[in-house]
Amino acid sequence: MTERFERHKQPWTYEELQKLHMYAKKGMSLKAIAKALTRSEESIKIRAKADGLSIAKLR
């Protein structure tokens, strides 16, 4: 069962962007970042790409 988020099309806050950058630099996985920010993995991927961040691909 996958988790569903009810926050559709919400604008990014400054605090969320700061956390996204911090988590990406720490090397957290996409799934962990999405859960921490309560946003979808797709939303995280799109914003990270727009900001030029690379998200760790854990295997």
C-alpha atoms as a PDB file:
ATOM      1  CA  MET A   1       0.000   0.000   0.000  1.00  0.00           C
ATOM      2  CA  THR A   2       1.460   3.340  -1.003  1.00  0.00           C
ATOM      3  CA  GLU A   3       1.088   6.511   0.990  1.00  0.00           C
ATOM      4  CA  ARG A   4      -0.936   9.263  -0.651  1.00  0.00           C
ATOM      5  CA  PHE A   5      -0.462  12.943   0.046  1.00  0.00           C
ATOM      6  CA  GLU A   6      -3.407  15.307   0.003  1.00  0.00           C
ATOM      7  CA  ARG A   7      -1.354  18.453  -0.626  1.00  0.00           C
ATOM      8  CA  HIS A   8      -1.786  18.913  -4.361  1.00  0.00           C
ATOM      9  CA  LYS A   9      -0.047  21.768  -6.174  1.00  0.00           C
ATOM     10  CA  GLN A  10       1.065  23.552  -3.012  1.00  0.00           C
ATOM     11  CA  PRO A  11       3.758  26.222  -3.516  1.00  0.00           C
ATOM     12  CA  TRP A  12       7.151  25.525  -1.959  1.00  0.00           C
ATOM     13  CA  THR A  13       7.932  27.502   1.186  1.00  0.00           C
ATOM     14  CA  TYR A  14      11.379  28.883   1.954  1.00  0.00           C
ATOM     15  CA  GLU A  15      11.746  26.434   4.861  1.00  0.00           C
ATOM     16  CA  GLU A  16      10.872  23.459   2.647  1.00  0.00           C
ATOM     17  CA  LEU A  17      13.446  24.526   0.075  1.00  0.00           C
ATOM     18  CA  GLN A  18      16.114  24.861   2.767  1.00  0.00           C
ATOM     19  CA  LYS A  19      15.296  21.364   4.047  1.00  0.00           C
ATOM     20  CA  LEU A  20      15.317  19.934   0.520  1.00  0.00           C
ATOM     21  CA  HIS A  21      18.793  21.331  -0.116  1.00  0.00           C
ATOM     22  CA  MET A  22      20.038  20.089   3.270  1.00  0.00           C
ATOM     23  CA  TYR A  23      18.639  16.568   2.775  1.00  0.00           C
ATOM     24  CA  ALA A  24      20.047  16.340  -0.755  1.00  0.00           C
ATOM     25  CA  LYS A  25      23.505  17.380   0.461  1.00  0.00           C
ATOM     26  CA  LYS A  26      23.320  14.769   3.243  1.00  0.00           C
ATOM     27  CA  GLY A  27      22.645  12.110   0.614  1.00  0.00           C
ATOM     28  CA  MET A  28      19.177  11.092   1.754  1.00  0.00           C
ATOM     29  CA  SER A  29      17.091   8.942  -0.579  1.00  0.00           C
ATOM     30  CA  LEU A  30      14.201  10.313  -2.595  1.00  0.00           C
ATOM     31  CA  LYS A  31      11.689   8.322  -0.563  1.00  0.00           C
ATOM     32  CA  ALA A  32      13.096   9.594   2.757  1.00  0.00           C
ATOM     33  CA  ILE A  33      13.068  13.210   1.586  1.00  0.00           C
ATOM     34  CA  ALA A  34       9.500  12.880   0.317  1.00  0.00           C
ATOM     35  CA  LYS A  35       8.355  11.484   3.651  1.00  0.00           C
ATOM     36  CA  ALA A  36      10.217  14.142   5.656  1.00  0.00           C
ATOM     37  CA  LEU A  37       8.703  16.977   3.615  1.00  0.00           C
ATOM     38  CA  THR A  38       5.279  15.279   3.203  1.00  0.00           C
ATOM     39  CA  ARG A  39       5.422  15.749  -0.559  1.00  0.00           C
ATOM     40  CA  SER A  40       5.297  13.221  -3.378  1.00  0.00           C
ATOM     41  CA  GLU A  41       8.483  11.716  -4.777  1.00  0.00           C
ATOM     42  CA  GLU A  42       7.610  13.200  -8.160  1.00  0.00           C
ATOM     43  CA  SER A  43       7.289  16.675  -6.643  1.00  0.00           C
ATOM     44  CA  ILE A  44      10.708  16.288  -4.969  1.00  0.00           C
ATOM     45  CA  LYS A  45      12.302  15.108  -8.241  1.00  0.00           C
ATOM     46  CA  ILE A  46      10.892  18.024 -10.223  1.00  0.00           C
ATOM     47  CA  ARG A  47      11.965  20.649  -7.685  1.00  0.00           C
ATOM     48  CA  ALA A  48      15.427  19.114  -7.214  1.00  0.00           C
ATOM     49  CA  LYS A  49      15.985  19.127 -10.975  1.00  0.00           C
ATOM     50  CA  ALA A  50      14.841  22.751 -11.213  1.00  0.00           C
ATOM     51  CA  ASP A  51      17.290  23.711  -8.441  1.00  0.00           C
ATOM     52  CA  GLY A  52      20.140  21.658  -9.932  1.00  0.00           C
ATOM     53  CA  LEU A  53      20.276  19.209  -7.019  1.00  0.00           C
ATOM     54  CA  SER A  54      21.118  15.547  -7.324  1.00  0.00           C
ATOM     55  CA  ILE A  55      19.204  13.066  -5.189  1.00  0.00           C
ATOM     56  CA  ALA A  56      21.017   9.928  -4.061  1.00  0.00           C
ATOM     57  CA  LYS A  57      19.872   6.709  -5.672  1.00  0.00           C
ATOM     58  CA  LEU A  58      20.146   4.094  -2.960  1.00  0.00           C
ATOM     59  CA  ARG A  59      20.255   0.484  -4.064  1.00  0.00           C
END
